């Protein structure tokens, strides 16, 4: 490559902030204010033009804007690349791995932010009703080995009712505060607890994932949209006018959902996470948190002799409106469904529909 040609790194994006043009290097997590001359140089580089050696070339090189070759193996678009690399934790040039335990510093940090803690136990306004005491009998009768072996995705449901006891147990075992709110092991260690613990692990014990129940075929429970209060094992009514037939449309045409006994939209409370972990990496924690809950939910359903179905494919904004969410601080992230079903993945019915369409 000739000396006066410098490839532009793909690890940049531009933002206009308070009237300033800011260049963001999402690999190094650095931001630089740039002027028109530097912008023109970047535009020239992006077109493959030559860039004369000089002051601008030197400044761009020092900020890591040139000489990084774009990978040809990345398979997604730039948004995924920004998220993947931009949320990594990296050692600074010349920095060594930490040699000391960080526990003392972590506890000190937690103490310093405790006064500004958000409300960790979510209680939405609306009519509330207590759920029956969870029945662990079904969960105790099936071994973990059998639950793991028998769990599989179902897309063909019978639109048959389940008992409110089954719903109660599934919500409690997946999302409930099964360890209680005040745990003695923390108190005995001289530590203060601020939230609660579920059966699945959660980053910082913040429990950012919130369950919103779509009740459709549950005995003794009116159809509607509810929020499940994890800490008190109650439901609070959000809407009693939800049409179950609209669920498939909200899930981008996955109409097997209309036959479910119930579904759960799992959201993430971002404000819980960014209070304690302000780095954007905590968005990864939000996704992992939900992944743990998803697996627990499926094993619980399997133990109850119910079929489960999950999806991350839906119209986010429309669902957020139905749930009444402030999308800047909380958003739907996943959907869980359960009910009686054949255990089929549902492809036979879909194949028949496709073949019928071709014959017309």
Protein backbone atom coordinates (compact mmCIF):
# COMPACT_ATOMS: atom_id res chain seq x y z
CA UNK A 1 0.00 0.00 0.00
CA UNK A 2 1.45 3.44 -0.92
CA UNK A 3 2.69 5.51 2.00
CA UNK A 4 0.08 8.24 1.55
CA UNK A 5 -2.98 5.90 1.64
CA UNK A 6 -4.40 5.13 5.06
CA UNK A 7 -7.40 2.81 5.61
CA UNK A 8 -10.10 4.18 7.89
CA UNK A 9 -11.01 2.06 10.92
CA UNK A 10 -14.60 0.73 10.97
CA UNK A 11 -14.80 1.30 14.72
CA UNK A 12 -16.24 4.81 14.62
CA UNK A 13 -19.53 6.61 14.61
CA UNK A 14 -20.46 10.30 14.67
CA UNK A 15 -22.93 12.15 16.85
CA UNK A 16 -24.01 15.76 17.07
CA UNK A 17 -24.11 16.66 20.78
CA UNK A 18 -24.87 20.21 22.00
CA UNK A 19 -23.86 21.70 18.68
CA UNK A 20 -20.58 19.77 18.56
CA UNK A 21 -19.61 17.02 16.15
CA UNK A 22 -18.33 14.14 18.26
CA UNK A 23 -16.34 11.22 16.89
CA UNK A 24 -16.85 8.09 18.99
CA UNK A 25 -14.36 5.23 18.86
CA UNK A 26 -16.39 2.36 20.31
CA UNK A 27 -13.39 0.01 20.50
CA UNK A 28 -11.29 2.27 22.74
CA UNK A 29 -14.35 3.95 24.36
CA UNK A 30 -12.92 7.36 23.50
CA UNK A 31 -14.72 10.47 22.22
CA UNK A 32 -13.23 13.36 20.25
CA UNK A 33 -14.70 16.65 19.11
CA UNK A 34 -13.80 17.22 15.46
CA UNK A 35 -14.00 20.17 13.06
CA UNK A 36 -14.93 20.44 9.39
CA UNK A 37 -11.39 19.73 8.15
CA UNK A 38 -11.18 16.47 10.08
CA UNK A 39 -14.68 15.49 8.94
CA UNK A 40 -13.70 16.04 5.31
CA UNK A 41 -10.61 13.89 5.86
CA UNK A 42 -12.75 11.08 7.29
CA UNK A 43 -15.15 11.31 4.36
CA UNK A 44 -12.21 11.08 1.96
CA UNK A 45 -10.86 8.03 3.80
CA UNK A 46 -14.26 6.32 3.70
CA UNK A 47 -14.27 6.67 -0.10
CA UNK A 48 -10.78 5.21 -0.38
CA UNK A 49 -9.19 8.50 -1.32
CA UNK A 50 -5.59 9.30 -0.46
CA UNK A 51 -4.82 11.34 2.65
CA UNK A 52 -1.65 13.43 2.53
CA UNK A 53 0.77 13.02 5.41
CA UNK A 54 0.38 16.01 7.69
CA UNK A 55 -1.12 17.36 10.90
CA UNK A 56 -4.59 15.94 10.27
CA UNK A 57 -3.18 12.53 9.37
CA UNK A 58 -1.11 12.52 12.56
CA UNK A 59 -4.06 13.49 14.77
CA UNK A 60 -6.32 10.86 13.23
CA UNK A 61 -3.63 8.23 13.64
CA UNK A 62 -3.12 9.16 17.32
CA UNK A 63 -6.82 8.78 18.01
CA UNK A 64 -6.98 5.34 16.38
CA UNK A 65 -9.09 6.47 13.43
CA UNK A 66 -6.90 5.01 10.72
CA UNK A 67 -4.84 1.92 9.95
CA UNK A 68 -7.39 -0.55 11.41
CA UNK A 69 -8.54 -2.90 8.67
CA UNK A 70 -12.24 -3.78 8.64
CA UNK A 71 -12.92 -7.45 9.31
CA UNK A 72 -14.49 -9.38 6.43
CA UNK A 73 -15.80 -12.13 8.72
CA UNK A 74 -18.34 -10.11 10.76
CA UNK A 75 -21.77 -11.33 9.68
CA UNK A 76 -24.14 -8.75 11.16
CA UNK A 77 -24.60 -5.04 10.55
CA UNK A 78 -22.81 -2.16 12.25
CA UNK A 79 -25.39 -1.87 15.05
CA UNK A 80 -24.55 -5.36 16.31
CA UNK A 81 -20.85 -4.63 15.92
CA UNK A 82 -21.13 -1.44 17.97
CA UNK A 83 -22.96 -3.31 20.72
CA UNK A 84 -20.60 -6.28 20.75
CA UNK A 85 -17.30 -4.43 20.75
CA UNK A 86 -18.54 -1.25 22.42
CA UNK A 87 -19.63 -3.13 25.56
CA UNK A 88 -16.41 -5.08 26.01
CA UNK A 89 -14.11 -4.47 28.98
CA UNK A 90 -10.58 -3.88 27.74
CA UNK A 91 -7.21 -3.33 29.31
CA UNK A 92 -5.69 0.03 28.44
CA UNK A 93 -2.43 -0.12 26.45
CA UNK A 94 0.29 -1.29 28.83
CA UNK A 95 -2.17 -2.05 31.63
CA UNK A 96 -1.77 -5.30 33.57
CA UNK A 97 -4.41 -7.61 34.96
CA UNK A 98 -5.49 -6.73 38.53
CA UNK A 99 -3.50 -8.50 41.21
CA UNK A 100 -5.66 -7.70 44.26
CA UNK A 101 -9.16 -8.84 45.20
CA UNK A 102 -11.74 -6.17 44.40
CA UNK A 103 -14.32 -7.15 47.05
CA UNK A 104 -13.51 -4.33 49.49
CA UNK A 105 -13.66 -1.75 46.74
CA UNK A 106 -16.93 -3.19 45.46
CA UNK A 107 -18.57 -3.01 48.89
CA UNK A 108 -17.34 0.55 49.29
CA UNK A 109 -18.82 1.45 45.92
CA UNK A 110 -22.17 -0.13 46.84
CA UNK A 111 -22.27 1.90 50.06
CA UNK A 112 -21.54 5.11 48.17
CA UNK A 113 -24.54 4.72 45.85
CA UNK A 114 -27.03 3.18 48.29
CA UNK A 115 -28.77 6.48 49.05
CA UNK A 116 -29.82 6.85 45.40
CA UNK A 117 -31.17 3.33 44.95
CA UNK A 118 -34.32 2.98 42.82
CA UNK A 119 -37.34 1.09 44.09
CA UNK A 120 -36.30 -2.52 43.48
CA UNK A 121 -39.69 -4.08 44.32
CA UNK A 122 -42.05 -2.93 41.57
CA UNK A 123 -45.64 -2.15 42.54
CA UNK A 124 -47.77 -0.75 39.73
CA UNK A 125 -51.08 0.96 40.46
CA UNK A 126 -54.26 -0.97 39.82
CA UNK A 127 -56.58 -3.50 41.40
CA UNK A 128 -54.60 -6.27 43.06
CA UNK A 129 -55.39 -9.87 43.86
CA UNK A 130 -53.40 -12.40 45.82
CA UNK A 131 -52.46 -15.66 44.15
CA UNK A 132 -52.88 -19.09 45.75
CA UNK A 133 -50.03 -20.51 47.78
CA UNK A 134 -47.62 -22.20 45.33
CA UNK A 135 -47.93 -25.97 45.11
CA UNK A 136 -44.50 -27.58 44.82
CA UNK A 137 -45.84 -31.12 44.48
CA UNK A 138 -45.55 -31.33 40.67
CA UNK A 139 -42.08 -29.83 40.72
CA UNK A 140 -40.93 -32.34 43.32
CA UNK A 141 -42.31 -35.39 41.51
CA UNK A 142 -40.34 -34.91 38.28
CA UNK A 143 -36.58 -35.27 38.42
CA UNK A 144 -34.31 -32.62 36.97
CA UNK A 145 -32.99 -35.20 34.50
CA UNK A 146 -36.49 -35.91 33.17
CA UNK A 147 -37.38 -32.22 33.02
CA UNK A 148 -34.27 -31.51 30.97
CA UNK A 149 -34.92 -34.47 28.70
CA UNK A 150 -38.64 -33.80 28.16
CA UNK A 151 -38.43 -30.05 27.64
CA UNK A 152 -38.92 -29.03 24.04
CA UNK A 153 -40.58 -26.20 22.18
CA UNK A 154 -44.26 -26.59 21.37
CA UNK A 155 -46.15 -24.56 18.74
CA UNK A 156 -49.45 -26.44 18.78
CA UNK A 157 -51.69 -25.76 21.79
CA UNK A 158 -55.23 -26.88 22.66
CA UNK A 159 -56.73 -23.65 24.05
CA UNK A 160 -57.58 -25.55 27.22
CA UNK A 161 -57.76 -24.01 30.67
CA UNK A 162 -55.19 -24.57 33.37
CA UNK A 163 -55.76 -24.06 37.08
CA UNK A 164 -54.85 -20.83 38.80
CA UNK A 165 -52.74 -22.96 41.14
CA UNK A 166 -50.56 -24.03 38.20
CA UNK A 167 -50.15 -20.41 37.13
CA UNK A 168 -49.36 -19.34 40.67
CA UNK A 169 -46.69 -22.01 41.08
CA UNK A 170 -45.05 -21.22 37.74
CA UNK A 171 -44.89 -17.48 38.45
CA UNK A 172 -43.56 -18.02 41.96
CA UNK A 173 -40.97 -20.64 40.99
CA UNK A 174 -39.71 -18.48 38.10
CA UNK A 175 -40.13 -14.87 39.25
CA UNK A 176 -41.04 -15.02 42.94
CA UNK A 177 -38.89 -14.02 45.88
CA UNK A 178 -38.49 -17.63 46.97
CA UNK A 179 -35.58 -16.78 49.29
CA UNK A 180 -37.57 -14.08 51.07
CA UNK A 181 -36.90 -10.37 51.18
CA UNK A 182 -34.59 -10.21 54.23
CA UNK A 183 -32.02 -12.99 54.23
CA UNK A 184 -30.28 -13.89 57.45
CA UNK A 185 -27.04 -14.97 55.75
CA UNK A 186 -26.50 -11.39 54.61
CA UNK A 187 -27.43 -9.89 57.95
CA UNK A 188 -25.08 -12.26 59.76
CA UNK A 189 -22.28 -11.10 57.46
CA UNK A 190 -23.05 -7.48 58.31
CA UNK A 191 -24.42 -6.76 54.83
CA UNK A 192 -27.62 -4.91 54.00
CA UNK A 193 -30.04 -6.39 51.48
CA UNK A 194 -31.93 -4.01 49.23
CA UNK A 195 -34.03 -6.32 47.09
CA UNK A 196 -34.93 -9.97 46.87
CA UNK A 197 -33.60 -13.14 45.25
CA UNK A 198 -35.31 -15.42 42.75
CA UNK A 199 -34.53 -19.01 41.86
CA UNK A 200 -32.34 -17.80 38.97
CA UNK A 201 -29.19 -15.68 39.40
CA UNK A 202 -29.32 -11.96 38.70
CA UNK A 203 -26.47 -9.48 38.19
CA UNK A 204 -25.96 -7.48 41.37
CA UNK A 205 -29.15 -9.11 42.73
CA UNK A 206 -31.01 -6.24 41.06
CA UNK A 207 -33.71 -8.43 39.47
CA UNK A 208 -34.24 -6.03 36.54
CA UNK A 209 -36.58 -8.42 34.70
CA UNK A 210 -40.27 -7.74 35.27
CA UNK A 211 -43.06 -10.24 34.38
CA UNK A 212 -46.31 -9.03 32.76
CA UNK A 213 -48.94 -11.75 32.58
CA UNK A 214 -51.30 -12.19 29.63
CA UNK A 215 -54.06 -14.36 31.13
CA UNK A 216 -56.23 -16.12 28.54
CA UNK A 217 -57.31 -19.58 29.67
CA UNK A 218 -56.80 -19.71 33.44
CA UNK A 219 -59.57 -20.91 35.74
CA UNK A 220 -60.73 -18.35 38.31
CA UNK A 221 -58.79 -15.54 36.65
CA UNK A 222 -60.33 -13.03 34.29
CA UNK A 223 -58.58 -12.60 30.95
CA UNK A 224 -56.42 -9.51 30.82
CA UNK A 225 -53.01 -7.99 31.28
CA UNK A 226 -51.47 -8.09 34.76
CA UNK A 227 -48.19 -7.24 36.42
CA UNK A 228 -46.81 -9.92 38.72
CA UNK A 229 -45.45 -8.52 41.98
CA UNK A 230 -42.52 -10.82 42.64
CA UNK A 231 -41.94 -9.77 46.24
CA UNK A 232 -45.54 -10.23 47.41
CA UNK A 233 -46.89 -12.90 45.02
CA UNK A 234 -49.76 -10.75 43.79
CA UNK A 235 -51.18 -9.62 40.49
CA UNK A 236 -52.07 -6.01 39.70
CA UNK A 237 -54.47 -5.43 36.85
CA UNK A 238 -53.23 -3.32 33.95
CA UNK A 239 -56.03 -3.94 31.45
CA UNK A 240 -59.13 -6.14 31.37
CA UNK A 241 -59.87 -5.35 27.73
CA UNK A 242 -57.01 -7.22 26.05
CA UNK A 243 -58.14 -9.33 23.09
CA UNK A 244 -56.29 -12.69 23.13
CA UNK A 245 -56.77 -12.96 19.37
CA UNK A 246 -54.50 -9.93 18.92
CA UNK A 247 -51.56 -11.65 20.59
CA UNK A 248 -50.41 -13.44 17.46
CA UNK A 249 -50.31 -10.17 15.55
CA UNK A 250 -48.24 -8.51 18.27
CA UNK A 251 -45.85 -11.45 17.97
CA UNK A 252 -45.28 -10.72 14.27
CA UNK A 253 -47.82 -13.27 13.01
CA UNK A 254 -47.06 -16.16 15.36
CA UNK A 255 -50.72 -17.07 15.83
CA UNK A 256 -50.10 -20.28 17.74
CA UNK A 257 -49.95 -17.91 20.72
CA UNK A 258 -53.73 -17.43 20.67
CA UNK A 259 -54.16 -21.02 21.90
CA UNK A 260 -51.99 -20.60 24.99
CA UNK A 261 -53.32 -20.76 28.53
CA UNK A 262 -51.21 -17.74 29.40
CA UNK A 263 -48.17 -15.78 28.31
CA UNK A 264 -45.63 -13.60 30.05
CA UNK A 265 -43.96 -10.57 28.52
CA UNK A 266 -40.64 -10.15 30.30
CA UNK A 267 -39.35 -6.60 30.39
CA UNK A 268 -36.10 -5.13 31.68
CA UNK A 269 -35.94 -2.25 34.13
CA UNK A 270 -32.90 -0.46 32.72
CA UNK A 271 -32.98 2.12 35.52
CA UNK A 272 -32.17 -0.60 38.07
CA UNK A 273 -29.09 -1.58 36.10
CA UNK A 274 -27.69 1.80 35.24
CA UNK A 275 -28.05 2.95 38.86
CA UNK A 276 -25.45 0.39 39.95
CA UNK A 277 -23.68 -0.39 36.67
CA UNK A 278 -23.60 2.78 34.52
CA UNK A 279 -21.44 1.23 31.79
CA UNK A 280 -23.36 0.10 28.71
CA UNK A 281 -22.02 -3.41 29.29
CA UNK A 282 -24.86 -3.87 31.78
CA UNK A 283 -27.22 -4.22 28.80
CA UNK A 284 -25.58 -7.63 28.38
CA UNK A 285 -26.54 -8.41 31.97
CA UNK A 286 -30.16 -7.56 31.17
CA UNK A 287 -30.19 -10.14 28.37
CA UNK A 288 -28.43 -12.80 30.45
CA UNK A 289 -30.83 -12.19 33.35
CA UNK A 290 -33.79 -12.98 31.12
CA UNK A 291 -32.06 -16.00 29.62
CA UNK A 292 -31.72 -17.57 33.08
CA UNK A 293 -35.40 -16.94 33.82
CA UNK A 294 -36.46 -18.40 30.48
CA UNK A 295 -34.78 -21.72 31.16
CA UNK A 296 -36.22 -21.90 34.67
CA UNK A 297 -39.70 -21.19 33.32
CA UNK A 298 -39.47 -23.96 30.74
CA UNK A 299 -38.30 -26.55 33.27
CA UNK A 300 -41.11 -25.54 35.63
CA UNK A 301 -43.70 -25.92 32.87
CA UNK A 302 -42.28 -29.30 31.94
CA UNK A 303 -42.54 -30.43 35.57
CA UNK A 304 -46.19 -29.34 35.56
CA UNK A 305 -46.90 -31.48 32.47
CA UNK A 306 -47.50 -28.29 30.48
CA UNK A 307 -46.00 -27.29 27.14
CA UNK A 308 -43.99 -24.11 26.71
CA UNK A 309 -43.12 -21.83 23.84
CA UNK A 310 -40.84 -18.79 23.82
CA UNK A 311 -40.00 -16.05 21.34
CA UNK A 312 -38.07 -12.82 21.03
CA UNK A 313 -39.84 -11.82 17.80
CA UNK A 314 -42.48 -9.13 18.33
CA UNK A 315 -43.42 -5.48 17.81
CA UNK A 316 -41.63 -3.88 20.75
CA UNK A 317 -43.26 -0.45 20.72
CA UNK A 318 -46.81 -1.77 20.40
CA UNK A 319 -46.36 -4.11 23.34
CA UNK A 320 -44.71 -1.41 25.44
CA UNK A 321 -47.80 0.76 24.87
CA UNK A 322 -50.12 -2.03 26.01
CA UNK A 323 -48.05 -2.53 29.15
CA UNK A 324 -47.92 1.21 29.78
CA UNK A 325 -44.14 1.38 29.93
CA UNK A 326 -41.81 4.35 29.85
CA UNK A 327 -39.60 3.03 27.05
CA UNK A 328 -36.59 5.09 28.13
CA UNK A 329 -36.34 3.12 31.38
CA UNK A 330 -38.14 -0.18 30.72
CA UNK A 331 -38.89 -2.24 27.62
CA UNK A 332 -40.21 -5.65 26.64
CA UNK A 333 -37.40 -8.10 25.90
CA UNK A 334 -38.91 -11.59 25.61
CA UNK A 335 -42.14 -13.59 25.61
CA UNK A 336 -42.91 -16.85 27.41
CA UNK A 337 -46.00 -18.96 26.77
CA UNK A 338 -47.49 -22.06 28.36
CA UNK A 339 -50.52 -24.30 28.13
CA UNK A 340 -51.79 -27.73 27.20
CA UNK A 341 -50.54 -28.90 23.83
CA UNK A 342 -49.57 -31.76 21.58
CA UNK A 343 -45.87 -31.17 22.00
CA UNK A 344 -45.58 -30.66 18.25
CA UNK A 345 -43.32 -28.01 16.79
CA UNK A 346 -46.25 -27.14 14.55
CA UNK A 347 -44.57 -27.50 11.18
CA UNK A 348 -47.18 -29.93 9.80
CA UNK A 349 -49.92 -27.33 10.01
CA UNK A 350 -47.66 -24.66 8.58
CA UNK A 351 -46.54 -26.90 5.73
CA UNK A 352 -50.16 -27.68 4.87
CA UNK A 353 -51.01 -23.99 4.83
CA UNK A 354 -48.08 -23.22 2.53
CA UNK A 355 -48.99 -26.06 0.18
CA UNK A 356 -52.62 -24.90 0.06
CA UNK A 357 -51.46 -21.40 -0.79
CA UNK A 358 -49.32 -22.69 -3.64
CA UNK A 359 -52.23 -24.64 -5.11
CA UNK A 360 -54.50 -21.59 -5.31
